[in-house]
Amino acid sequence: MKVSASVFSNPDLPLQQVVKALDACKTDLLHVDCNDDPGVFDTIAEIRTYSDTPVDLHIITGRPELYVPLVEKYKPEYVQFQYELLPAGFEHPFFEHSKTGLCIVSDTDWNVFRNYADRCRHILFMATTPGQSGGRFNTENFRRIRAFKKEFPGTRIHVDGGVNGEVSFILRSLGVDCIISGSFLVKNENPAMAMLDLLHREIHSDYKVGDFMIGPGELPLIPMQDASFFRAVEVIDAWKFGFVIYTDSRGRLAGITTNADLRRALLKNRFRMEDIPAEDYINPDPFFCYDSDNVTTMLSKIKSARFPVLYLPVIAEDRTLTGALAFQQLIKGE
């Protein structure tokens, strides 16, 4: 996952000093916010004189036609327009030297991206107020990101606003490609340590598993009374998650079947495949966590396991299934 650092997040320091510090931390991109100010392009030209780090430009304006020639002239490597201010009928331009994207706030339906999908390489989810630094991440965006990635699996996802070390870990687990960090990184007295926090995860935890888990409506589920080997194969193949979860008549966690469970059952029952017993492919006591666990507790449980944990059912205190976690995206990101 790339880290794009917001260069205007610390106005108390000279810009060159900020950029030099970020370059020393091996920042992937330099994020520049343009709040309807063409003078920002002079700043981009200045940055070019002392840094080779790619520029990530976020344009917030109701008159995008003014900025199209400026983008073509100054050639920032990434550029995204803020959707909510764009005039009706605006056609997102192609830029030969810039990767283009669309930026939306938390209240905007991500389906608006459909109108720009043929011209935009990425979407930028604003998890706080655009152009303002230091806000708290809106957890509704975890669900939005999952839904968008399912619908547009080939589109890169960038996220801006309230990203600290813990949020960064969660976003990596969701398959986010780039995070924009402002105050957490740029205002930090030790930006190198802040960068480590963004890319690793050994800090205080405030978010609960329930804030970012995959909800029941998004999961492959089978009522236990309907369980059969080939039903499990069908559901796993249809959902592409690599597992299926079983619930009892009260909605409580009753077991899980993974790809590995299916393989073991086939090997054990290869001479009687028409009647494979449930105990051979359903794990009735799977590793799980509670939706009230914070990220630190969840990671501690995973580390305590004596086997790799790729899927994790999430339950309430009464064992009612409330969701699940899947870590394939985190592994790919790492």
C-alpha atoms as a PDB file:
ATOM      1  CA  MET A   1       0.000   0.000   0.000  1.00  0.00           C
ATOM      2  CA  LYS A   2       1.260   3.448  -0.923  1.00  0.00           C
ATOM      3  CA  VAL A   3       1.362   6.405   1.480  1.00  0.00           C
ATOM      4  CA  SER A   4       0.572   9.880   0.136  1.00  0.00           C
ATOM      5  CA  ALA A   5       1.535  12.649   2.592  1.00  0.00           C
ATOM      6  CA  SER A   6      -0.468  15.878   2.693  1.00  0.00           C
ATOM      7  CA  VAL A   7       2.154  18.606   2.387  1.00  0.00           C
ATOM      8  CA  PHE A   8      -0.100  21.429   3.656  1.00  0.00           C
ATOM      9  CA  SER A   9      -0.932  19.729   6.961  1.00  0.00           C
ATOM     10  CA  ASN A  10       1.773  21.579   8.886  1.00  0.00           C
ATOM     11  CA  PRO A  11       1.635  25.287   7.931  1.00  0.00           C
ATOM     12  CA  ASP A  12       3.976  26.178  10.813  1.00  0.00           C
ATOM     13  CA  LEU A  13       6.974  24.819   8.900  1.00  0.00           C
ATOM     14  CA  PRO A  14       8.443  25.939   5.567  1.00  0.00           C
ATOM     15  CA  LEU A  15       7.162  23.771   2.726  1.00  0.00           C
ATOM     16  CA  GLN A  16      10.638  22.714   1.659  1.00  0.00           C
ATOM     17  CA  GLN A  17      11.398  21.508   5.185  1.00  0.00           C
ATOM     18  CA  VAL A  18       8.170  19.488   5.252  1.00  0.00           C
ATOM     19  CA  VAL A  19       8.845  17.894   1.869  1.00  0.00           C
ATOM     20  CA  LYS A  20      12.461  17.078   2.719  1.00  0.00           C
ATOM     21  CA  ALA A  21      11.339  15.342   5.927  1.00  0.00           C
ATOM     22  CA  LEU A  22       8.723  13.340   4.040  1.00  0.00           C
ATOM     23  CA  ASP A  23      11.233  12.343   1.376  1.00  0.00           C
ATOM     24  CA  ALA A  24      13.587  11.157   4.093  1.00  0.00           C
ATOM     25  CA  CYS A  25      10.784   8.835   5.259  1.00  0.00           C
ATOM     26  CA  LYS A  26      10.443   7.420   1.724  1.00  0.00           C
ATOM     27  CA  THR A  27       6.923   8.782   1.253  1.00  0.00           C
ATOM     28  CA  ASP A  28       5.437   7.355  -1.953  1.00  0.00           C
ATOM     29  CA  LEU A  29       3.447  10.454  -3.002  1.00  0.00           C
ATOM     30  CA  LEU A  30       3.137  14.118  -2.009  1.00  0.00           C
ATOM     31  CA  HIS A  31      -0.553  14.996  -1.616  1.00  0.00           C
ATOM     32  CA  VAL A  32      -1.464  18.560  -2.592  1.00  0.00           C
ATOM     33  CA  ASP A  33      -4.955  19.952  -1.889  1.00  0.00           C
ATOM     34  CA  CYS A  34      -6.206  22.606  -4.308  1.00  0.00           C
ATOM     35  CA  ASN A  35      -9.198  24.438  -2.829  1.00  0.00           C
ATOM     36  CA  ASP A  36     -10.140  26.274  -6.038  1.00  0.00           C
ATOM     37  CA  ASP A  37      -6.785  28.066  -6.054  1.00  0.00           C
ATOM     38  CA  PRO A  38      -4.796  28.045  -9.323  1.00  0.00           C
ATOM     39  CA  GLY A  39      -1.795  29.297  -7.344  1.00  0.00           C
ATOM     40  CA  VAL A  40      -1.347  25.747  -6.056  1.00  0.00           C
ATOM     41  CA  PHE A  41       0.295  24.891  -9.367  1.00  0.00           C
ATOM     42  CA  ASP A  42       3.088  27.354  -8.554  1.00  0.00           C
ATOM     43  CA  THR A  43       3.584  25.336  -5.384  1.00  0.00           C
ATOM     44  CA  ILE A  44       3.799  22.153  -7.431  1.00  0.00           C
ATOM     45  CA  ALA A  45       6.441  23.801  -9.617  1.00  0.00           C
ATOM     46  CA  GLU A  46       8.359  24.777  -6.473  1.00  0.00           C
ATOM     47  CA  ILE A  47       8.200  21.244  -5.080  1.00  0.00           C
ATOM     48  CA  ARG A  48       9.625  19.935  -8.347  1.00  0.00           C
ATOM     49  CA  THR A  49      12.793  21.972  -7.718  1.00  0.00           C
ATOM     50  CA  TYR A  50      13.741  19.997  -4.611  1.00  0.00           C
ATOM     51  CA  SER A  51      11.837  16.696  -4.783  1.00  0.00           C
ATOM     52  CA  ASP A  52      11.326  13.937  -7.353  1.00  0.00           C
ATOM     53  CA  THR A  53       8.488  12.327  -5.389  1.00  0.00           C
ATOM     54  CA  PRO A  54       5.290  12.005  -7.480  1.00  0.00           C
ATOM     55  CA  VAL A  55       2.612  14.633  -6.818  1.00  0.00           C
ATOM     56  CA  ASP A  56      -0.916  13.555  -5.871  1.00  0.00           C
ATOM     57  CA  LEU A  57      -3.256  16.489  -6.628  1.00  0.00           C
ATOM     58  CA  HIS A  58      -6.773  16.807  -5.187  1.00  0.00           C
ATOM     59  CA  ILE A  59      -8.803  19.555  -6.889  1.00  0.00           C
ATOM     60  CA  ILE A  60     -11.865  20.917  -5.077  1.00  0.00           C
ATOM     61  CA  THR A  61     -13.664  23.285  -7.429  1.00  0.00           C
ATOM     62  CA  GLY A  62     -16.917  24.068  -9.184  1.00  0.00           C
ATOM     63  CA  ARG A  63     -15.097  25.275 -12.294  1.00  0.00           C
ATOM     64  CA  PRO A  64     -12.974  22.305 -13.372  1.00  0.00           C
ATOM     65  CA  GLU A  65     -12.531  23.652 -16.899  1.00  0.00           C
ATOM     66  CA  LEU A  66     -10.130  26.244 -15.421  1.00  0.00           C
ATOM     67  CA  TYR A  67      -7.832  23.502 -14.105  1.00  0.00           C
ATOM     68  CA  VAL A  68      -7.723  21.119 -17.059  1.00  0.00           C
ATOM     69  CA  PRO A  69      -5.047  23.133 -18.953  1.00  0.00           C
ATOM     70  CA  LEU A  70      -3.082  23.602 -15.722  1.00  0.00           C
ATOM     71  CA  VAL A  71      -3.011  19.862 -15.123  1.00  0.00           C
ATOM     72  CA  GLU A  72      -1.874  19.340 -18.706  1.00  0.00           C
ATOM     73  CA  LYS A  73       0.890  21.898 -18.231  1.00  0.00           C
ATOM     74  CA  TYR A  74       2.241  20.878 -14.805  1.00  0.00           C
ATOM     75  CA  LYS A  75       1.599  17.120 -15.167  1.00  0.00           C
ATOM     76  CA  PRO A  76       1.016  15.936 -11.584  1.00  0.00           C
ATOM     77  CA  GLU A  77       1.359  12.163 -11.516  1.00  0.00           C
ATOM     78  CA  TYR A  78      -2.057  11.721  -9.861  1.00  0.00           C
ATOM     79  CA  VAL A  79      -5.067  14.020 -10.051  1.00  0.00           C
ATOM     80  CA  GLN A  80      -8.627  13.718  -8.760  1.00  0.00           C
ATOM     81  CA  PHE A  81     -11.574  16.119  -8.889  1.00  0.00           C
ATOM     82  CA  GLN A  82     -14.045  16.457  -6.002  1.00  0.00           C
ATOM     83  CA  TYR A  83     -17.307  15.039  -7.342  1.00  0.00           C
ATOM     84  CA  GLU A  84     -19.806  17.053  -5.274  1.00  0.00           C
ATOM     85  CA  LEU A  85     -18.791  20.419  -6.774  1.00  0.00           C
ATOM     86  CA  LEU A  86     -18.542  19.324 -10.398  1.00  0.00           C
ATOM     87  CA  PRO A  87     -21.088  20.970 -12.719  1.00  0.00           C
ATOM     88  CA  ALA A  88     -23.780  18.783 -14.282  1.00  0.00           C
ATOM     89  CA  GLY A  89     -22.614  17.110 -17.473  1.00  0.00           C
ATOM     90  CA  PHE A  90     -18.909  17.482 -16.700  1.00  0.00           C
ATOM     91  CA  GLU A  91     -16.897  14.970 -18.705  1.00  0.00           C
ATOM     92  CA  HIS A  92     -13.807  13.863 -16.851  1.00  0.00           C
ATOM     93  CA  PRO A  93     -10.827  14.462 -19.179  1.00  0.00           C
ATOM     94  CA  PHE A  94      -8.065  12.055 -20.057  1.00  0.00           C
ATOM     95  CA  PHE A  95      -4.579  13.286 -19.129  1.00  0.00           C
ATOM     96  CA  GLU A  96      -1.642  11.756 -20.952  1.00  0.00           C
ATOM     97  CA  HIS A  97       0.793  12.180 -18.040  1.00  0.00           C
ATOM     98  CA  SER A  98      -1.529  11.899 -15.025  1.00  0.00           C
ATOM     99  CA  LYS A  99      -3.432   9.016 -13.458  1.00  0.00           C
ATOM    100  CA  THR A 100      -6.967  10.313 -12.944  1.00  0.00           C
ATOM    101  CA  GLY A 101      -9.471   9.630 -10.197  1.00  0.00           C
ATOM    102  CA  LEU A 102     -12.750  10.786  -8.705  1.00  0.00           C
ATOM    103  CA  CYS A 103     -13.078  11.933  -5.098  1.00  0.00           C
ATOM    104  CA  ILE A 104     -16.289  11.519  -3.069  1.00  0.00           C
ATOM    105  CA  VAL A 105     -17.292  12.348   0.511  1.00  0.00           C
ATOM    106  CA  SER A 106     -18.862   9.909   2.972  1.00  0.00           C
ATOM    107  CA  ASP A 107     -22.436  11.043   2.225  1.00  0.00           C
ATOM    108  CA  THR A 108     -22.136  10.488  -1.535  1.00  0.00           C
ATOM    109  CA  ASP A 109     -23.283   7.188  -3.024  1.00  0.00           C
ATOM    110  CA  TRP A 110     -20.196   5.510  -4.475  1.00  0.00           C
ATOM    111  CA  ASN A 111     -22.310   4.369  -7.438  1.00  0.00           C
ATOM    112  CA  VAL A 112     -21.756   7.816  -8.995  1.00  0.00           C
ATOM    113  CA  PHE A 113     -18.377   6.409 -10.035  1.00  0.00           C
ATOM    114  CA  ARG A 114     -20.150   4.427 -12.765  1.00  0.00           C
ATOM    115  CA  ASN A 115     -20.412   7.603 -14.831  1.00  0.00           C
ATOM    116  CA  TYR A 116     -16.623   8.038 -14.739  1.00  0.00           C
ATOM    117  CA  ALA A 117     -15.394   4.436 -14.646  1.00  0.00           C
ATOM    118  CA  ASP A 118     -14.132   4.504 -18.226  1.00  0.00           C
ATOM    119  CA  ARG A 119     -11.962   7.558 -17.537  1.00  0.00           C
ATOM    120  CA  CYS A 120     -10.808   7.121 -13.939  1.00  0.00           C
ATOM    121  CA  ARG A 121      -8.122   4.772 -12.722  1.00  0.00           C
ATOM    122  CA  HIS A 122      -8.977   5.176  -9.044  1.00  0.00           C
ATOM    123  CA  ILE A 123     -11.516   6.496  -6.564  1.00  0.00           C
ATOM    124  CA  LEU A 124     -10.637   8.607  -3.530  1.00  0.00           C
ATOM    125  CA  PHE A 125     -12.872   8.107  -0.505  1.00  0.00           C
ATOM    126  CA  MET A 126     -12.893  11.172   1.750  1.00  0.00           C
ATOM    127  CA  ALA A 127     -13.439   9.868   5.275  1.00  0.00           C
ATOM    128  CA  THR A 128     -13.477  13.363   6.834  1.00  0.00           C
ATOM    129  CA  THR A 129     -14.344  16.859   5.548  1.00  0.00           C
ATOM    130  CA  PRO A 130     -12.408  17.617   2.311  1.00  0.00           C
ATOM    131  CA  GLY A 131      -9.612  20.137   2.701  1.00  0.00           C
ATOM    132  CA  GLN A 132      -9.670  20.024   6.523  1.00  0.00           C
ATOM    133  CA  SER A 133      -6.910  18.373   8.515  1.00  0.00           C
ATOM    134  CA  GLY A 134      -7.148  16.413  11.755  1.00  0.00           C
ATOM    135  CA  GLY A 135     -10.661  14.929  11.568  1.00  0.00           C
ATOM    136  CA  ARG A 136     -11.727  11.493  12.824  1.00  0.00           C
ATOM    137  CA  PHE A 137     -12.246   8.661  10.356  1.00  0.00           C
ATOM    138  CA  ASN A 138     -15.897   7.920   9.539  1.00  0.00           C
ATOM    139  CA  THR A 139     -16.260   4.152  10.050  1.00  0.00           C
ATOM    140  CA  GLU A 140     -19.147   3.946   7.538  1.00  0.00           C
ATOM    141  CA  ASN A 141     -16.423   4.078   4.894  1.00  0.00           C
ATOM    142  CA  PHE A 142     -15.233   0.572   5.800  1.00  0.00           C
ATOM    143  CA  ARG A 143     -18.523  -0.821   4.475  1.00  0.00           C
ATOM    144  CA  ARG A 144     -18.459   1.486   1.448  1.00  0.00           C
ATOM    145  CA  ILE A 145     -14.951   0.395   0.502  1.00  0.00           C
ATOM    146  CA  ARG A 146     -15.880  -3.286   0.658  1.00  0.00           C
ATOM    147  CA  ALA A 147     -18.964  -2.717  -1.510  1.00  0.00           C
ATOM    148  CA  PHE A 148     -17.034  -0.643  -4.068  1.00  0.00           C
ATOM    149  CA  LYS A 149     -14.208  -3.169  -4.318  1.00  0.00           C
ATOM    150  CA  LYS A 150     -16.696  -5.958  -4.979  1.00  0.00           C
ATOM    151  CA  GLU A 151     -18.322  -3.966  -7.806  1.00  0.00           C
ATOM    152  CA  PHE A 152     -15.110  -2.500  -9.290  1.00  0.00           C
ATOM    153  CA  PRO A 153     -12.381  -5.053  -8.481  1.00  0.00           C
ATOM    154  CA  GLY A 154      -9.972  -3.583 -11.031  1.00  0.00           C
ATOM    155  CA  THR A 155     -10.190   0.019  -9.776  1.00  0.00           C
ATOM    156  CA  ARG A 156      -7.622   1.251  -7.275  1.00  0.00           C
ATOM    157  CA  ILE A 157      -8.892   2.696  -4.008  1.00  0.00           C
ATOM    158  CA  HIS A 158      -7.368   5.704  -2.247  1.00  0.00           C
ATOM    159  CA  VAL A 159      -8.551   6.909   1.184  1.00  0.00           C
ATOM    160  CA  ASP A 160      -8.058  10.313   2.793  1.00  0.00           C
ATOM    161  CA  GLY A 161      -9.005  11.619   6.225  1.00  0.00           C
ATOM    162  CA  GLY A 162      -8.370  10.470   9.784  1.00  0.00           C
ATOM    163  CA  VAL A 163      -5.854   7.781   8.783  1.00  0.00           C
ATOM    164  CA  ASN A 164      -3.617   6.789  11.694  1.00  0.00           C
ATOM    165  CA  GLY A 165      -1.695   3.554  12.265  1.00  0.00           C
ATOM    166  CA  GLU A 166      -4.736   1.565  13.344  1.00  0.00           C
ATOM    167  CA  VAL A 167      -6.974   2.774  10.508  1.00  0.00           C
ATOM    168  CA  SER A 168      -4.136   2.061   8.086  1.00  0.00           C
ATOM    169  CA  PHE A 169      -4.033  -1.559   9.224  1.00  0.00           C
ATOM    170  CA  ILE A 170      -7.782  -1.935   8.729  1.00  0.00           C
ATOM    171  CA  LEU A 171      -7.616  -0.319   5.277  1.00  0.00           C
ATOM    172  CA  ARG A 172      -4.796  -2.654   4.238  1.00  0.00           C
ATOM    173  CA  SER A 173      -6.959  -5.597   5.296  1.00  0.00           C
ATOM    174  CA  LEU A 174      -9.723  -4.245   3.019  1.00  0.00           C
ATOM    175  CA  GLY A 175      -7.376  -4.066   0.026  1.00  0.00           C
ATOM    176  CA  VAL A 176      -6.956  -0.277  -0.153  1.00  0.00           C
ATOM    177  CA  ASP A 177      -4.138   0.732  -2.510  1.00  0.00           C
ATOM    178  CA  CYS A 178      -3.167   4.159  -1.171  1.00  0.00           C
ATOM    179  CA  ILE A 179      -3.775   6.164   2.001  1.00  0.00           C
ATOM    180  CA  ILE A 180      -3.442   9.926   2.351  1.00  0.00           C
ATOM    181  CA  SER A 181      -2.053  10.960   5.711  1.00  0.00           C
ATOM    182  CA  GLY A 182      -2.136  14.529   6.956  1.00  0.00           C
ATOM    183  CA  SER A 183      -1.767  15.525  10.591  1.00  0.00           C
ATOM    184  CA  PHE A 184      -0.837  12.042  11.812  1.00  0.00           C
ATOM    185  CA  LEU A 185       2.256  11.944   9.610  1.00  0.00           C
ATOM    186  CA  VAL A 186       3.131  15.525   8.691  1.00  0.00           C
ATOM    187  CA  LYS A 187       2.656  17.102  12.132  1.00  0.00           C
ATOM    188  CA  ASN A 188       4.297  14.242  13.977  1.00  0.00           C
ATOM    189  CA  GLU A 189       7.501  15.188  15.828  1.00  0.00           C
ATOM    190  CA  ASN A 190       8.990  11.962  14.511  1.00  0.00           C
ATOM    191  CA  PRO A 191       7.556  11.392  11.015  1.00  0.00           C
ATOM    192  CA  ALA A 192       9.729   8.311  10.534  1.00  0.00           C
ATOM    193  CA  MET A 193       8.040   6.571  13.468  1.00  0.00           C
ATOM    194  CA  ALA A 194       4.629   7.744  12.224  1.00  0.00           C
ATOM    195  CA  MET A 195       5.403   6.176   8.845  1.00  0.00           C
ATOM    196  CA  LEU A 196       6.234   2.890  10.572  1.00  0.00           C
ATOM    197  CA  ASP A 197       2.905   3.064  12.395  1.00  0.00           C
ATOM    198  CA  LEU A 198       1.093   3.545   9.087  1.00  0.00           C
ATOM    199  CA  LEU A 199       2.794   0.571   7.452  1.00  0.00           C
ATOM    200  CA  HIS A 200       2.896  -1.767  10.463  1.00  0.00           C
ATOM    201  CA  ARG A 201       0.682  -1.961  13.513  1.00  0.00           C
ATOM    202  CA  GLU A 202       1.857  -1.778  17.126  1.00  0.00           C
ATOM    203  CA  ILE A 203      -0.114   1.118  18.592  1.00  0.00           C
ATOM    204  CA  HIS A 204      -3.099   1.859  20.818  1.00  0.00           C
ATOM    205  CA  SER A 205      -6.415   0.545  19.483  1.00  0.00           C
ATOM    206  CA  ASP A 206      -9.733   2.434  19.523  1.00  0.00           C
ATOM    207  CA  TYR A 207     -11.743   0.709  16.784  1.00  0.00           C
ATOM    208  CA  LYS A 208     -13.796  -2.422  17.394  1.00  0.00           C
ATOM    209  CA  VAL A 209     -13.979  -5.428  15.082  1.00  0.00           C
ATOM    210  CA  GLY A 210     -17.654  -4.606  14.603  1.00  0.00           C
ATOM    211  CA  ASP A 211     -16.643  -1.319  12.949  1.00  0.00           C
ATOM    212  CA  PHE A 212     -14.996  -2.946   9.935  1.00  0.00           C
ATOM    213  CA  MET A 213     -16.029  -6.620   9.759  1.00  0.00           C
ATOM    214  CA  ILE A 214     -17.922  -8.064   6.798  1.00  0.00           C
ATOM    215  CA  GLY A 215     -21.597  -8.002   7.757  1.00  0.00           C
ATOM    216  CA  PRO A 216     -23.907 -11.065   7.673  1.00  0.00           C
ATOM    217  CA  GLY A 217     -25.616  -9.862   4.485  1.00  0.00           C
ATOM    218  CA  GLU A 218     -22.251  -9.916   2.700  1.00  0.00           C
ATOM    219  CA  LEU A 219     -21.226 -13.402   3.839  1.00  0.00           C
ATOM    220  CA  PRO A 220     -21.610 -16.962   2.463  1.00  0.00           C
ATOM    221  CA  LEU A 221     -23.926 -18.555   5.032  1.00  0.00           C
ATOM    222  CA  ILE A 222     -25.680 -21.922   5.220  1.00  0.00           C
ATOM    223  CA  PRO A 223     -28.218 -22.877   7.898  1.00  0.00           C
ATOM    224  CA  MET A 224     -26.894 -25.961   9.650  1.00  0.00           C
ATOM    225  CA  GLN A 225     -30.021 -27.962   8.792  1.00  0.00           C
ATOM    226  CA  ASP A 226     -29.248 -27.428   5.070  1.00  0.00           C
ATOM    227  CA  ALA A 227     -25.611 -28.501   5.290  1.00  0.00           C
ATOM    228  CA  SER A 228     -24.207 -30.902   2.724  1.00  0.00           C
ATOM    229  CA  PHE A 229     -20.794 -31.358   1.196  1.00  0.00           C
ATOM    230  CA  PHE A 230     -21.743 -30.316  -2.306  1.00  0.00           C
ATOM    231  CA  ARG A 231     -23.846 -27.421  -1.012  1.00  0.00           C
ATOM    232  CA  ALA A 232     -20.672 -26.149   0.688  1.00  0.00           C
ATOM    233  CA  VAL A 233     -18.734 -26.527  -2.579  1.00  0.00           C
ATOM    234  CA  GLU A 234     -21.412 -24.586  -4.482  1.00  0.00           C
ATOM    235  CA  VAL A 235     -21.544 -21.716  -1.991  1.00  0.00           C
ATOM    236  CA  ILE A 236     -17.768 -21.376  -1.687  1.00  0.00           C
ATOM    237  CA  ASP A 237     -17.441 -21.358  -5.462  1.00  0.00           C
ATOM    238  CA  ALA A 238     -20.235 -18.785  -5.878  1.00  0.00           C
ATOM    239  CA  TRP A 239     -18.976 -16.349  -3.219  1.00  0.00           C
ATOM    240  CA  LYS A 240     -15.213 -16.663  -3.940  1.00  0.00           C
ATOM    241  CA  PHE A 241     -14.352 -16.089  -0.266  1.00  0.00           C
ATOM    242  CA  GLY A 242     -12.718 -19.463   0.354  1.00  0.00           C
ATOM    243  CA  PHE A 243     -15.056 -20.364   3.227  1.00  0.00           C
ATOM    244  CA  VAL A 244     -18.681 -20.774   4.252  1.00  0.00           C
ATOM    245  CA  ILE A 245     -20.118 -20.241   7.741  1.00  0.00           C
ATOM    246  CA  TYR A 246     -22.938 -22.277   9.322  1.00  0.00           C
ATOM    247  CA  THR A 247     -25.532 -20.957  11.761  1.00  0.00           C
ATOM    248  CA  ASP A 248     -28.033 -22.766  13.973  1.00  0.00           C
ATOM    249  CA  SER A 249     -31.768 -22.021  14.164  1.00  0.00           C
ATOM    250  CA  ARG A 250     -31.073 -19.059  16.496  1.00  0.00           C
ATOM    251  CA  GLY A 251     -28.473 -17.461  14.230  1.00  0.00           C
ATOM    252  CA  ARG A 252     -25.528 -18.557  16.357  1.00  0.00           C
ATOM    253  CA  LEU A 253     -22.176 -19.690  14.974  1.00  0.00           C
ATOM    254  CA  ALA A 254     -22.356 -23.441  14.366  1.00  0.00           C
ATOM    255  CA  GLY A 255     -19.229 -24.060  12.284  1.00  0.00           C
ATOM    256  CA  ILE A 256     -17.128 -23.185   9.261  1.00  0.00           C
ATOM    257  CA  THR A 257     -15.916 -24.944   6.125  1.00  0.00           C
ATOM    258  CA  THR A 258     -12.851 -23.714   4.256  1.00  0.00           C
ATOM    259  CA  ASN A 259     -11.186 -24.804   1.032  1.00  0.00           C
ATOM    260  CA  ALA A 260      -8.739 -26.803   3.130  1.00  0.00           C
ATOM    261  CA  ASP A 261     -11.604 -28.622   4.904  1.00  0.00           C
ATOM    262  CA  LEU A 262     -13.065 -29.600   1.528  1.00  0.00           C
ATOM    263  CA  ARG A 263      -9.729 -30.967   0.317  1.00  0.00           C
ATOM    264  CA  ARG A 264      -9.239 -33.053   3.457  1.00  0.00           C
ATOM    265  CA  ALA A 265     -12.791 -34.414   3.213  1.00  0.00           C
ATOM    266  CA  LEU A 266     -12.271 -35.409  -0.412  1.00  0.00           C
ATOM    267  CA  LEU A 267      -9.051 -37.242   0.381  1.00  0.00           C
ATOM    268  CA  LYS A 268     -10.677 -39.079   3.274  1.00  0.00           C
ATOM    269  CA  ASN A 269     -13.862 -39.980   1.388  1.00  0.00           C
ATOM    270  CA  ARG A 270     -12.661 -40.435  -2.190  1.00  0.00           C
ATOM    271  CA  PHE A 271     -14.308 -43.873  -2.405  1.00  0.00           C
ATOM    272  CA  ARG A 272     -17.726 -42.746  -1.064  1.00  0.00           C
ATOM    273  CA  MET A 273     -18.210 -39.192  -2.288  1.00  0.00           C
ATOM    274  CA  GLU A 274     -21.980 -39.536  -2.539  1.00  0.00           C
ATOM    275  CA  ASP A 275     -22.317 -39.433   1.259  1.00  0.00           C
ATOM    276  CA  ILE A 276     -19.530 -37.424   2.911  1.00  0.00           C
ATOM    277  CA  PRO A 277     -20.342 -36.963   6.639  1.00  0.00           C
ATOM    278  CA  ALA A 278     -20.605 -33.410   8.021  1.00  0.00           C
ATOM    279  CA  GLU A 279     -17.907 -33.989  10.616  1.00  0.00           C
ATOM    280  CA  ASP A 280     -15.388 -34.511   7.818  1.00  0.00           C
ATOM    281  CA  TYR A 281     -15.831 -31.051   6.264  1.00  0.00           C
ATOM    282  CA  ILE A 282     -17.388 -28.807   8.956  1.00  0.00           C
ATOM    283  CA  ASN A 283     -15.298 -27.462  11.820  1.00  0.00           C
ATOM    284  CA  PRO A 284     -17.884 -27.054  14.616  1.00  0.00           C
ATOM    285  CA  ASP A 285     -15.521 -25.110  16.883  1.00  0.00           C
ATOM    286  CA  PRO A 286     -13.734 -22.574  14.642  1.00  0.00           C
ATOM    287  CA  PHE A 287     -11.352 -19.875  15.762  1.00  0.00           C
ATOM    288  CA  PHE A 288     -13.393 -16.670  16.232  1.00  0.00           C
ATOM    289  CA  CYS A 289     -13.371 -13.203  17.763  1.00  0.00           C
ATOM    290  CA  TYR A 290     -16.035 -10.962  19.318  1.00  0.00           C
ATOM    291  CA  ASP A 291     -17.426  -7.895  17.582  1.00  0.00           C
ATOM    292  CA  SER A 292     -16.563  -5.955  20.762  1.00  0.00           C
ATOM    293  CA  ASP A 293     -12.846  -6.875  20.511  1.00  0.00           C
ATOM    294  CA  ASN A 294     -10.553  -4.040  19.516  1.00  0.00           C
ATOM    295  CA  VAL A 295      -7.881  -4.448  16.849  1.00  0.00           C
ATOM    296  CA  THR A 296      -5.125  -5.152  19.366  1.00  0.00           C
ATOM    297  CA  THR A 297      -7.152  -7.941  21.015  1.00  0.00           C
ATOM    298  CA  MET A 298      -8.011  -9.425  17.632  1.00  0.00           C
ATOM    299  CA  LEU A 299      -4.352  -9.479  16.548  1.00  0.00           C
ATOM    300  CA  SER A 300      -3.351 -11.035  19.852  1.00  0.00           C
ATOM    301  CA  LYS A 301      -5.831 -13.870  19.300  1.00  0.00           C
ATOM    302  CA  ILE A 302      -4.555 -14.447  15.769  1.00  0.00           C
ATOM    303  CA  LYS A 303      -0.956 -14.548  16.962  1.00  0.00           C
ATOM    304  CA  SER A 304      -1.902 -17.123  19.612  1.00  0.00           C
ATOM    305  CA  ALA A 305      -3.218 -19.548  17.004  1.00  0.00           C
ATOM    306  CA  ARG A 306      -1.030 -22.503  16.103  1.00  0.00           C
ATOM    307  CA  PHE A 307      -2.054 -22.296  12.444  1.00  0.00           C
ATOM    308  CA  PRO A 308      -2.424 -19.531   9.820  1.00  0.00           C
ATOM    309  CA  VAL A 309      -5.713 -17.636  10.252  1.00  0.00           C
ATOM    310  CA  LEU A 310      -7.166 -16.486   6.915  1.00  0.00           C
ATOM    311  CA  TYR A 311     -10.854 -16.306   7.906  1.00  0.00           C
ATOM    312  CA  LEU A 312     -12.314 -15.333  11.245  1.00  0.00           C
ATOM    313  CA  PRO A 313     -16.023 -15.526  12.182  1.00  0.00           C
ATOM    314  CA  VAL A 314     -17.168 -12.655  14.395  1.00  0.00           C
ATOM    315  CA  ILE A 315     -19.790 -13.248  17.095  1.00  0.00           C
ATOM    316  CA  ALA A 316     -21.627 -11.386  19.858  1.00  0.00           C
ATOM    317  CA  GLU A 317     -21.353 -12.413  23.500  1.00  0.00           C
ATOM    318  CA  ASP A 318     -24.312 -14.833  23.085  1.00  0.00           C
ATOM    319  CA  ARG A 319     -22.479 -16.486  20.133  1.00  0.00           C
ATOM    320  CA  THR A 320     -24.851 -14.956  17.568  1.00  0.00           C
ATOM    321  CA  LEU A 321     -22.968 -14.569  14.283  1.00  0.00           C
ATOM    322  CA  THR A 322     -22.531 -10.856  13.526  1.00  0.00           C
ATOM    323  CA  GLY A 323     -19.955 -10.958  10.708  1.00  0.00           C
ATOM    324  CA  ALA A 324     -16.548 -12.227   9.647  1.00  0.00           C
ATOM    325  CA  LEU A 325     -13.041 -11.096   8.759  1.00  0.00           C
ATOM    326  CA  ALA A 326     -11.016 -12.222   5.753  1.00  0.00           C
ATOM    327  CA  PHE A 327      -7.311 -11.463   5.568  1.00  0.00           C
ATOM    328  CA  GLN A 328      -6.433 -12.249   1.927  1.00  0.00           C
ATOM    329  CA  GLN A 329      -6.338  -8.534   1.014  1.00  0.00           C
ATOM    330  CA  LEU A 330      -4.017  -7.782   3.924  1.00  0.00           C
ATOM    331  CA  ILE A 331      -1.629 -10.520   2.815  1.00  0.00           C
ATOM    332  CA  LYS A 332      -1.697  -9.246  -0.778  1.00  0.00           C
ATOM    333  CA  GLY A 333      -1.064  -5.699   0.427  1.00  0.00           C
ATOM    334  CA  GLU A 334       1.889  -6.712   2.541  1.00  0.00           C
END
